[in-house]
Amino acid sequence: MGMSVARPRGARRIAAWVAAGAAAAGLVIAGAGVASGKAAASAADSGDTGQAALVEDYNYPGRDAILADKHVKLLKGDGKIMLADCGGDVIEVRSREIGTTCFRSTAPGGWLTVEIPKVYLGKADSHKVGMRLTSNGQSEDHTLEPKAYAPFGEGVDPQHAPTTLVEITTQS
């Protein structure tokens, strides 16, 4: 026959309370996990993670102020072609409407969409530069060799319809 050890009554009560407390704590913790899991699933489903999204929209920074100040409409770009002061190694665009506008290319492979009306001349910096223009609903592409000038629109023929520059690209 085995012997059993008798516990004092108080020790049994304490053990019962500890066990009950642990069980209750486990239910609370499990319930919180389920609730936070549901909240996380709901946030994931709605796309709301509580953090700001880091999605690049490629809009040109400060474009509204530039339009008001310099009358140059800069739309979107990858940051490799930026509006700049004229002089030095810059891309130049000449317009009968807004004068000369210059851009600095920080690396080949850049792109910038713009709207510069009544352009007649372009100049490349030290990169090969592409310029896309529109006139009467037709698009035309020009490639300028490094440091070269190129006339277009009214710069080629004074009777040519006004030409709008809509994109600048750079290549190595």
N, C-alpha and C. Protein backbone atom coordinates (compact mmCIF):
# COMPACT_ATOMS: atom_id res chain seq x y z
N MET A 1 0.82 -1.16 0.00
CA MET A 1 0.00 0.00 0.00
C MET A 1 0.87 1.22 0.00
N GLY A 2 0.50 2.14 -0.84
CA GLY A 2 1.27 3.38 -0.90
C GLY A 2 0.83 4.36 0.14
N MET A 3 1.75 5.19 0.51
CA MET A 3 1.44 6.23 1.50
C MET A 3 1.13 7.52 0.78
N SER A 4 0.16 8.20 1.26
CA SER A 4 -0.13 9.51 0.72
C SER A 4 0.28 10.55 1.73
N VAL A 5 0.75 11.64 1.21
CA VAL A 5 1.18 12.72 2.09
C VAL A 5 0.02 13.67 2.25
N ALA A 6 -0.33 13.94 3.43
CA ALA A 6 -1.43 14.85 3.69
C ALA A 6 -0.93 16.28 3.65
N ARG A 7 -1.67 17.13 2.94
CA ARG A 7 -1.31 18.55 2.90
C ARG A 7 -2.20 19.30 3.86
N PRO A 8 -1.68 20.34 4.40
CA PRO A 8 -2.54 21.16 5.23
C PRO A 8 -3.61 21.80 4.37
N ARG A 9 -4.78 22.10 4.96
CA ARG A 9 -5.91 22.66 4.22
C ARG A 9 -5.56 23.97 3.54
N GLY A 10 -4.80 24.83 4.14
CA GLY A 10 -4.45 26.13 3.57
C GLY A 10 -3.64 25.99 2.29
N ALA A 11 -2.74 25.01 2.27
CA ALA A 11 -1.91 24.80 1.09
C ALA A 11 -2.75 24.37 -0.09
N ARG A 12 -3.80 23.55 0.16
CA ARG A 12 -4.68 23.13 -0.92
C ARG A 12 -5.44 24.31 -1.50
N ARG A 13 -5.89 25.19 -0.63
CA ARG A 13 -6.62 26.37 -1.12
C ARG A 13 -5.73 27.27 -1.97
N ILE A 14 -4.51 27.49 -1.51
CA ILE A 14 -3.59 28.35 -2.27
C ILE A 14 -3.31 27.73 -3.63
N ALA A 15 -3.06 26.41 -3.65
CA ALA A 15 -2.81 25.73 -4.92
C ALA A 15 -4.00 25.84 -5.85
N ALA A 16 -5.22 25.73 -5.29
CA ALA A 16 -6.43 25.86 -6.11
C ALA A 16 -6.56 27.27 -6.68
N TRP A 17 -6.28 28.27 -5.85
CA TRP A 17 -6.36 29.67 -6.32
C TRP A 17 -5.31 29.95 -7.40
N VAL A 18 -4.10 29.46 -7.22
CA VAL A 18 -3.04 29.66 -8.21
C VAL A 18 -3.44 29.01 -9.53
N ALA A 19 -3.97 27.78 -9.45
CA ALA A 19 -4.39 27.08 -10.67
C ALA A 19 -5.52 27.83 -11.36
N ALA A 20 -6.49 28.31 -10.60
CA ALA A 20 -7.62 29.06 -11.17
C ALA A 20 -7.13 30.36 -11.78
N GLY A 21 -6.23 31.03 -11.09
CA GLY A 21 -5.68 32.29 -11.62
C GLY A 21 -4.92 32.07 -12.91
N ALA A 22 -4.13 31.01 -12.97
CA ALA A 22 -3.36 30.71 -14.18
C ALA A 22 -4.29 30.39 -15.34
N ALA A 23 -5.35 29.64 -15.06
CA ALA A 23 -6.32 29.31 -16.11
C ALA A 23 -7.01 30.57 -16.61
N ALA A 24 -7.39 31.46 -15.71
CA ALA A 24 -8.05 32.71 -16.11
C ALA A 24 -7.11 33.58 -16.91
N ALA A 25 -5.85 33.66 -16.47
CA ALA A 25 -4.87 34.47 -17.19
C ALA A 25 -4.66 33.91 -18.59
N GLY A 26 -4.63 32.59 -18.70
CA GLY A 26 -4.48 31.97 -20.02
C GLY A 26 -5.62 32.31 -20.94
N LEU A 27 -6.85 32.33 -20.42
CA LEU A 27 -8.01 32.70 -21.23
C LEU A 27 -7.94 34.15 -21.67
N VAL A 28 -7.54 35.03 -20.77
CA VAL A 28 -7.43 36.45 -21.11
C VAL A 28 -6.38 36.65 -22.19
N ILE A 29 -5.23 36.03 -21.99
CA ILE A 29 -4.14 36.17 -22.97
C ILE A 29 -4.56 35.59 -24.32
N ALA A 30 -5.16 34.43 -24.30
CA ALA A 30 -5.62 33.80 -25.54
C ALA A 30 -6.67 34.67 -26.21
N GLY A 31 -7.59 35.24 -25.42
CA GLY A 31 -8.62 36.11 -25.98
C GLY A 31 -8.03 37.35 -26.60
N ALA A 32 -7.01 37.91 -25.96
CA ALA A 32 -6.35 39.10 -26.51
C ALA A 32 -5.65 38.76 -27.81
N GLY A 33 -5.05 37.56 -27.85
CA GLY A 33 -4.37 37.15 -29.08
C GLY A 33 -5.35 37.00 -30.22
N VAL A 34 -6.51 36.41 -29.95
CA VAL A 34 -7.54 36.25 -30.98
C VAL A 34 -8.03 37.62 -31.42
N ALA A 35 -8.27 38.52 -30.44
CA ALA A 35 -8.76 39.86 -30.79
C ALA A 35 -7.74 40.62 -31.61
N SER A 36 -6.46 40.57 -31.20
CA SER A 36 -5.46 41.30 -31.96
C SER A 36 -5.23 40.64 -33.31
N GLY A 37 -5.38 39.33 -33.38
CA GLY A 37 -5.28 38.63 -34.67
C GLY A 37 -6.38 39.06 -35.60
N LYS A 38 -7.61 39.19 -35.05
CA LYS A 38 -8.72 39.65 -35.87
C LYS A 38 -8.49 41.08 -36.33
N ALA A 39 -7.98 41.93 -35.43
CA ALA A 39 -7.70 43.32 -35.79
C ALA A 39 -6.61 43.38 -36.86
N ALA A 40 -5.59 42.56 -36.70
CA ALA A 40 -4.51 42.54 -37.69
C ALA A 40 -5.03 42.06 -39.03
N ALA A 41 -5.86 41.02 -39.01
CA ALA A 41 -6.43 40.51 -40.26
C ALA A 41 -7.31 41.57 -40.89
N SER A 42 -8.09 42.27 -40.08
CA SER A 42 -8.96 43.32 -40.59
C SER A 42 -8.14 44.45 -41.18
N ALA A 43 -7.05 44.84 -40.50
CA ALA A 43 -6.18 45.90 -41.01
C ALA A 43 -5.53 45.46 -42.32
N ALA A 44 -5.10 44.20 -42.38
CA ALA A 44 -4.48 43.71 -43.61
C ALA A 44 -5.48 43.70 -44.75
N ASP A 45 -6.73 43.28 -44.45
CA ASP A 45 -7.75 43.25 -45.49
C ASP A 45 -8.07 44.64 -46.00
N SER A 46 -8.08 45.64 -45.10
CA SER A 46 -8.45 46.99 -45.51
C SER A 46 -7.25 47.76 -46.02
N GLY A 47 -6.05 47.22 -45.85
CA GLY A 47 -4.85 47.91 -46.29
C GLY A 47 -4.37 48.92 -45.26
N ASP A 48 -5.03 49.03 -44.10
CA ASP A 48 -4.66 49.99 -43.07
C ASP A 48 -3.75 49.32 -42.06
N THR A 49 -2.47 49.67 -42.10
CA THR A 49 -1.53 49.10 -41.15
C THR A 49 -1.17 50.09 -40.07
N GLY A 50 -1.77 51.27 -40.09
CA GLY A 50 -1.44 52.29 -39.12
C GLY A 50 -0.18 53.04 -39.46
N GLN A 51 0.47 52.68 -40.55
CA GLN A 51 1.68 53.35 -41.00
C GLN A 51 1.42 54.00 -42.34
N ALA A 52 2.10 55.12 -42.59
CA ALA A 52 1.97 55.80 -43.87
C ALA A 52 2.59 54.93 -44.97
N ALA A 53 1.91 54.87 -46.10
CA ALA A 53 2.41 54.08 -47.22
C ALA A 53 3.60 54.80 -47.85
N LEU A 54 4.59 54.04 -48.25
CA LEU A 54 5.76 54.60 -48.91
C LEU A 54 5.71 54.24 -50.38
N VAL A 55 4.80 54.86 -51.09
CA VAL A 55 4.63 54.61 -52.51
C VAL A 55 5.04 55.86 -53.27
N GLU A 56 5.98 55.72 -54.16
CA GLU A 56 6.46 56.85 -54.95
C GLU A 56 5.46 57.16 -56.04
N ASP A 57 5.00 58.42 -56.11
CA ASP A 57 4.07 58.79 -57.17
C ASP A 57 4.77 59.54 -58.30
N TYR A 58 6.04 59.84 -58.13
CA TYR A 58 6.88 60.50 -59.14
C TYR A 58 6.44 61.92 -59.47
N ASN A 59 5.51 62.51 -58.71
CA ASN A 59 5.15 63.90 -58.94
C ASN A 59 6.35 64.78 -58.64
N TYR A 60 6.54 65.80 -59.47
CA TYR A 60 7.68 66.71 -59.28
C TYR A 60 7.45 67.53 -58.02
N PRO A 61 8.41 67.55 -57.09
CA PRO A 61 8.21 68.29 -55.84
C PRO A 61 8.16 69.80 -56.08
N GLY A 62 7.22 70.47 -55.44
CA GLY A 62 7.09 71.93 -55.55
C GLY A 62 6.62 72.42 -56.89
N ARG A 63 5.98 71.56 -57.64
CA ARG A 63 5.62 71.89 -59.02
C ARG A 63 4.62 73.04 -59.13
N ASP A 64 3.71 73.17 -58.17
CA ASP A 64 2.74 74.26 -58.23
C ASP A 64 3.42 75.62 -58.05
N ALA A 65 4.38 75.70 -57.13
CA ALA A 65 5.12 76.94 -56.91
C ALA A 65 5.98 77.28 -58.12
N ILE A 66 6.58 76.27 -58.73
CA ILE A 66 7.41 76.49 -59.93
C ILE A 66 6.55 77.00 -61.07
N LEU A 67 5.36 76.43 -61.24
CA LEU A 67 4.44 76.89 -62.28
C LEU A 67 4.07 78.35 -62.05
N ALA A 68 3.75 78.72 -60.83
CA ALA A 68 3.37 80.10 -60.51
C ALA A 68 4.54 81.06 -60.70
N ASP A 69 5.75 80.64 -60.33
CA ASP A 69 6.91 81.52 -60.37
C ASP A 69 7.58 81.58 -61.74
N LYS A 70 7.81 80.43 -62.34
CA LYS A 70 8.59 80.36 -63.59
C LYS A 70 7.76 80.02 -64.82
N HIS A 71 6.49 79.71 -64.63
CA HIS A 71 5.57 79.36 -65.73
C HIS A 71 6.00 78.10 -66.47
N VAL A 72 6.70 77.21 -65.75
CA VAL A 72 7.13 75.93 -66.30
C VAL A 72 6.29 74.86 -65.63
N LYS A 73 5.60 74.06 -66.45
CA LYS A 73 4.74 73.00 -65.91
C LYS A 73 5.53 71.69 -65.87
N LEU A 74 5.99 71.33 -64.65
CA LEU A 74 6.72 70.09 -64.43
C LEU A 74 5.74 69.07 -63.86
N LEU A 75 5.65 67.91 -64.47
CA LEU A 75 4.63 66.93 -64.07
C LEU A 75 5.20 65.81 -63.21
N LYS A 76 5.94 64.92 -63.81
CA LYS A 76 6.46 63.75 -63.10
C LYS A 76 7.89 63.48 -63.57
N GLY A 77 8.63 62.79 -62.72
CA GLY A 77 9.99 62.42 -63.09
C GLY A 77 10.58 61.46 -62.08
N ASP A 78 11.77 60.97 -62.40
CA ASP A 78 12.43 60.02 -61.51
C ASP A 78 13.49 60.68 -60.64
N GLY A 79 13.61 62.00 -60.71
CA GLY A 79 14.57 62.73 -59.88
C GLY A 79 15.95 62.86 -60.49
N LYS A 80 16.16 62.31 -61.67
CA LYS A 80 17.47 62.39 -62.32
C LYS A 80 17.58 63.59 -63.26
N ILE A 81 16.48 64.27 -63.52
CA ILE A 81 16.49 65.51 -64.32
C ILE A 81 15.72 66.54 -63.50
N MET A 82 16.42 67.61 -63.11
CA MET A 82 15.84 68.61 -62.22
C MET A 82 15.94 70.01 -62.84
N LEU A 83 14.93 70.84 -62.56
CA LEU A 83 14.97 72.24 -62.98
C LEU A 83 16.22 72.88 -62.39
N ALA A 84 16.92 73.71 -63.17
CA ALA A 84 18.19 74.29 -62.71
C ALA A 84 18.36 75.69 -63.28
N ASP A 85 19.29 76.40 -62.69
CA ASP A 85 19.70 77.68 -63.26
C ASP A 85 20.50 77.40 -64.52
N CYS A 86 20.40 78.28 -65.48
CA CYS A 86 21.13 78.10 -66.73
C CYS A 86 22.60 78.43 -66.53
N GLY A 87 23.43 77.76 -67.30
CA GLY A 87 24.88 77.95 -67.23
C GLY A 87 25.55 76.64 -66.90
N GLY A 88 26.66 76.40 -67.53
CA GLY A 88 27.38 75.15 -67.28
C GLY A 88 26.78 74.00 -68.07
N ASP A 89 26.94 72.81 -67.54
CA ASP A 89 26.52 71.58 -68.22
C ASP A 89 25.04 71.31 -67.92
N VAL A 90 24.15 71.95 -68.66
CA VAL A 90 22.71 71.81 -68.45
C VAL A 90 22.00 71.51 -69.77
N ILE A 91 20.81 70.98 -69.65
CA ILE A 91 19.91 70.81 -70.79
C ILE A 91 19.15 72.12 -70.93
N GLU A 92 19.11 72.68 -72.13
CA GLU A 92 18.40 73.94 -72.36
C GLU A 92 17.20 73.71 -73.27
N VAL A 93 16.12 74.40 -72.96
CA VAL A 93 14.92 74.37 -73.79
C VAL A 93 14.51 75.83 -74.01
N ARG A 94 14.36 76.22 -75.26
CA ARG A 94 13.97 77.61 -75.54
C ARG A 94 12.55 77.64 -76.09
N SER A 95 11.78 78.56 -75.51
CA SER A 95 10.36 78.69 -75.83
C SER A 95 10.04 80.14 -76.14
N ARG A 96 9.23 80.37 -77.17
CA ARG A 96 8.79 81.74 -77.46
C ARG A 96 7.88 82.28 -76.36
N GLU A 97 7.26 81.38 -75.61
CA GLU A 97 6.31 81.82 -74.58
C GLU A 97 6.95 82.10 -73.23
N ILE A 98 7.90 81.26 -72.79
CA ILE A 98 8.46 81.43 -71.44
C ILE A 98 9.96 81.65 -71.41
N GLY A 99 10.61 81.76 -72.56
CA GLY A 99 12.05 82.00 -72.60
C GLY A 99 12.84 80.72 -72.47
N THR A 100 14.04 80.83 -71.91
CA THR A 100 14.93 79.67 -71.77
C THR A 100 14.74 79.02 -70.40
N THR A 101 14.57 77.71 -70.43
CA THR A 101 14.45 76.91 -69.21
C THR A 101 15.56 75.87 -69.24
N CYS A 102 16.20 75.67 -68.08
CA CYS A 102 17.32 74.73 -68.02
C CYS A 102 17.07 73.63 -66.99
N PHE A 103 17.68 72.50 -67.26
CA PHE A 103 17.56 71.32 -66.41
C PHE A 103 18.93 70.71 -66.20
N ARG A 104 19.17 70.22 -65.00
CA ARG A 104 20.41 69.53 -64.68
C ARG A 104 20.12 68.03 -64.62
N SER A 105 20.93 67.28 -65.34
CA SER A 105 20.81 65.83 -65.36
C SER A 105 21.82 65.27 -64.37
N THR A 106 21.34 64.50 -63.40
CA THR A 106 22.24 63.96 -62.39
C THR A 106 22.76 62.57 -62.73
N ALA A 107 22.14 61.92 -63.71
CA ALA A 107 22.56 60.57 -64.09
C ALA A 107 21.88 60.19 -65.41
N PRO A 108 22.52 59.33 -66.19
CA PRO A 108 21.84 58.85 -67.39
C PRO A 108 20.66 57.97 -67.00
N GLY A 109 19.74 57.81 -67.92
CA GLY A 109 18.57 56.98 -67.65
C GLY A 109 17.46 57.73 -66.96
N GLY A 110 17.53 59.06 -66.94
CA GLY A 110 16.51 59.86 -66.27
C GLY A 110 15.36 60.21 -67.20
N TRP A 111 14.23 60.60 -66.60
CA TRP A 111 13.08 61.03 -67.38
C TRP A 111 12.31 62.09 -66.59
N LEU A 112 11.69 62.99 -67.33
CA LEU A 112 10.89 64.05 -66.75
C LEU A 112 9.79 64.42 -67.73
N THR A 113 8.55 64.42 -67.27
CA THR A 113 7.45 64.87 -68.13
C THR A 113 7.15 66.31 -67.76
N VAL A 114 6.93 67.11 -68.80
CA VAL A 114 6.75 68.56 -68.66
C VAL A 114 5.69 69.01 -69.66
N GLU A 115 5.33 70.27 -69.57
CA GLU A 115 4.56 70.93 -70.64
C GLU A 115 5.16 72.31 -70.81
N ILE A 116 5.99 72.43 -71.84
CA ILE A 116 6.60 73.71 -72.16
C ILE A 116 6.12 74.06 -73.57
N PRO A 117 5.27 75.09 -73.69
CA PRO A 117 4.68 75.42 -75.00
C PRO A 117 5.63 76.24 -75.88
N LYS A 118 5.36 76.18 -77.17
CA LYS A 118 6.03 76.99 -78.19
C LYS A 118 7.55 76.89 -78.15
N VAL A 119 8.06 75.65 -78.01
CA VAL A 119 9.51 75.44 -78.01
C VAL A 119 10.02 75.47 -79.44
N TYR A 120 11.25 75.96 -79.59
CA TYR A 120 11.85 76.02 -80.93
C TYR A 120 13.29 75.54 -80.97
N LEU A 121 13.93 75.34 -79.78
CA LEU A 121 15.32 74.92 -79.77
C LEU A 121 15.62 74.15 -78.49
N GLY A 122 16.45 73.12 -78.62
CA GLY A 122 16.89 72.37 -77.45
C GLY A 122 18.39 72.16 -77.51
N LYS A 123 19.02 72.00 -76.35
CA LYS A 123 20.45 71.73 -76.27
C LYS A 123 20.67 70.62 -75.24
N ALA A 124 21.51 69.67 -75.58
CA ALA A 124 21.83 68.57 -74.67
C ALA A 124 22.97 68.97 -73.73
N ASP A 125 23.01 68.33 -72.57
CA ASP A 125 24.15 68.49 -71.68
C ASP A 125 25.21 67.47 -72.11
N SER A 126 25.94 66.91 -71.18
CA SER A 126 26.99 65.94 -71.54
C SER A 126 26.43 64.53 -71.78
N HIS A 127 25.11 64.38 -71.72
CA HIS A 127 24.46 63.11 -72.02
C HIS A 127 23.75 63.20 -73.37
N LYS A 128 23.42 62.05 -73.91
CA LYS A 128 22.51 62.00 -75.05
C LYS A 128 21.12 62.30 -74.48
N VAL A 129 20.40 63.24 -75.08
CA VAL A 129 19.12 63.69 -74.54
C VAL A 129 18.01 63.43 -75.55
N GLY A 130 16.91 62.85 -75.07
CA GLY A 130 15.73 62.67 -75.89
C GLY A 130 14.69 63.71 -75.52
N MET A 131 14.03 64.27 -76.54
CA MET A 131 12.95 65.22 -76.30
C MET A 131 11.75 64.80 -77.12
N ARG A 132 10.63 64.62 -76.42
CA ARG A 132 9.38 64.28 -77.09
C ARG A 132 8.52 65.53 -77.15
N LEU A 133 8.06 65.83 -78.37
CA LEU A 133 7.27 67.03 -78.59
C LEU A 133 5.94 66.66 -79.22
N THR A 134 4.97 67.54 -79.05
CA THR A 134 3.68 67.35 -79.74
C THR A 134 3.34 68.62 -80.49
N SER A 135 2.68 68.44 -81.61
CA SER A 135 2.21 69.54 -82.42
C SER A 135 1.00 69.05 -83.20
N ASN A 136 -0.10 69.78 -83.09
CA ASN A 136 -1.34 69.39 -83.78
C ASN A 136 -1.74 67.95 -83.48
N GLY A 137 -1.54 67.50 -82.25
CA GLY A 137 -1.94 66.15 -81.86
C GLY A 137 -0.98 65.06 -82.30
N GLN A 138 0.09 65.43 -82.99
CA GLN A 138 1.08 64.46 -83.44
C GLN A 138 2.31 64.53 -82.53
N SER A 139 2.88 63.36 -82.23
CA SER A 139 4.06 63.29 -81.38
C SER A 139 5.30 63.09 -82.25
N GLU A 140 6.39 63.75 -81.87
CA GLU A 140 7.66 63.54 -82.57
C GLU A 140 8.78 63.47 -81.56
N ASP A 141 9.72 62.58 -81.79
CA ASP A 141 10.85 62.38 -80.89
C ASP A 141 12.12 62.89 -81.54
N HIS A 142 12.94 63.57 -80.74
CA HIS A 142 14.23 64.07 -81.20
C HIS A 142 15.30 63.56 -80.24
N THR A 143 16.43 63.14 -80.79
CA THR A 143 17.57 62.71 -79.99
C THR A 143 18.70 63.69 -80.24
N LEU A 144 19.19 64.30 -79.17
CA LEU A 144 20.27 65.27 -79.25
C LEU A 144 21.55 64.62 -78.73
N GLU A 145 22.59 64.67 -79.52
CA GLU A 145 23.88 64.16 -79.09
C GLU A 145 24.43 65.07 -78.00
N PRO A 146 25.34 64.57 -77.17
CA PRO A 146 25.89 65.40 -76.09
C PRO A 146 26.40 66.75 -76.60
N LYS A 147 26.00 67.81 -75.90
CA LYS A 147 26.40 69.20 -76.17
C LYS A 147 25.84 69.78 -77.47
N ALA A 148 24.99 69.04 -78.18
CA ALA A 148 24.47 69.49 -79.47
C ALA A 148 23.17 70.28 -79.30
N TYR A 149 22.95 71.20 -80.22
CA TYR A 149 21.69 71.94 -80.31
C TYR A 149 20.83 71.30 -81.39
N ALA A 150 19.52 71.42 -81.25
CA ALA A 150 18.61 70.93 -82.28
C ALA A 150 17.39 71.84 -82.35
N PRO A 151 17.08 72.33 -83.56
CA PRO A 151 15.85 73.12 -83.71
C PRO A 151 14.66 72.20 -83.91
N PHE A 152 13.49 72.63 -83.49
CA PHE A 152 12.27 71.91 -83.78
C PHE A 152 11.12 72.89 -83.84
N GLY A 153 9.99 72.40 -84.39
CA GLY A 153 8.82 73.26 -84.51
C GLY A 153 9.11 74.51 -85.31
N GLU A 154 8.81 75.66 -84.73
CA GLU A 154 9.01 76.94 -85.42
C GLU A 154 10.49 77.25 -85.65
N GLY A 155 11.38 76.56 -84.91
CA GLY A 155 12.82 76.74 -85.13
C GLY A 155 13.28 76.16 -86.45
N VAL A 156 12.51 75.22 -86.99
CA VAL A 156 12.82 74.61 -88.28
C VAL A 156 12.09 75.35 -89.38
N ASP A 157 10.83 75.69 -89.14
CA ASP A 157 9.99 76.35 -90.13
C ASP A 157 9.07 77.34 -89.41
N PRO A 158 9.23 78.63 -89.68
CA PRO A 158 8.39 79.64 -89.02
C PRO A 158 6.89 79.42 -89.23
N GLN A 159 6.52 78.67 -90.26
CA GLN A 159 5.11 78.39 -90.52
C GLN A 159 4.61 77.15 -89.78
N HIS A 160 5.53 76.46 -89.09
CA HIS A 160 5.18 75.25 -88.34
C HIS A 160 4.25 75.61 -87.19
N ALA A 161 3.31 74.75 -86.93
CA ALA A 161 2.40 74.96 -85.80
C ALA A 161 3.20 74.94 -84.49
N PRO A 162 2.74 75.66 -83.47
CA PRO A 162 3.45 75.66 -82.18
C PRO A 162 3.66 74.24 -81.66
N THR A 163 4.83 74.03 -81.08
CA THR A 163 5.25 72.71 -80.60
C THR A 163 5.40 72.76 -79.09
N THR A 164 4.91 71.73 -78.41
CA THR A 164 5.00 71.64 -76.95
C THR A 164 5.94 70.50 -76.57
N LEU A 165 6.91 70.81 -75.70
CA LEU A 165 7.79 69.77 -75.17
C LEU A 165 7.03 69.04 -74.07
N VAL A 166 6.96 67.71 -74.16
CA VAL A 166 6.22 66.94 -73.16
C VAL A 166 7.08 65.95 -72.37
N GLU A 167 8.30 65.65 -72.84
CA GLU A 167 9.15 64.72 -72.09
C GLU A 167 10.60 64.93 -72.44
N ILE A 168 11.45 64.81 -71.40
CA ILE A 168 12.90 64.85 -71.56
C ILE A 168 13.44 63.55 -70.97
N THR A 169 14.36 62.91 -71.69
CA THR A 169 15.03 61.70 -71.17
C THR A 169 16.53 61.85 -71.37
N THR A 170 17.30 61.14 -70.58
CA THR A 170 18.76 61.13 -70.76
C THR A 170 19.24 59.70 -70.90
N GLN A 171 20.30 59.56 -71.70
CA GLN A 171 20.95 58.27 -71.91
C GLN A 171 22.43 58.49 -71.74
N SER A 172 23.19 57.40 -71.54
CA SER A 172 24.64 57.57 -71.41
C SER A 172 25.28 57.67 -72.77
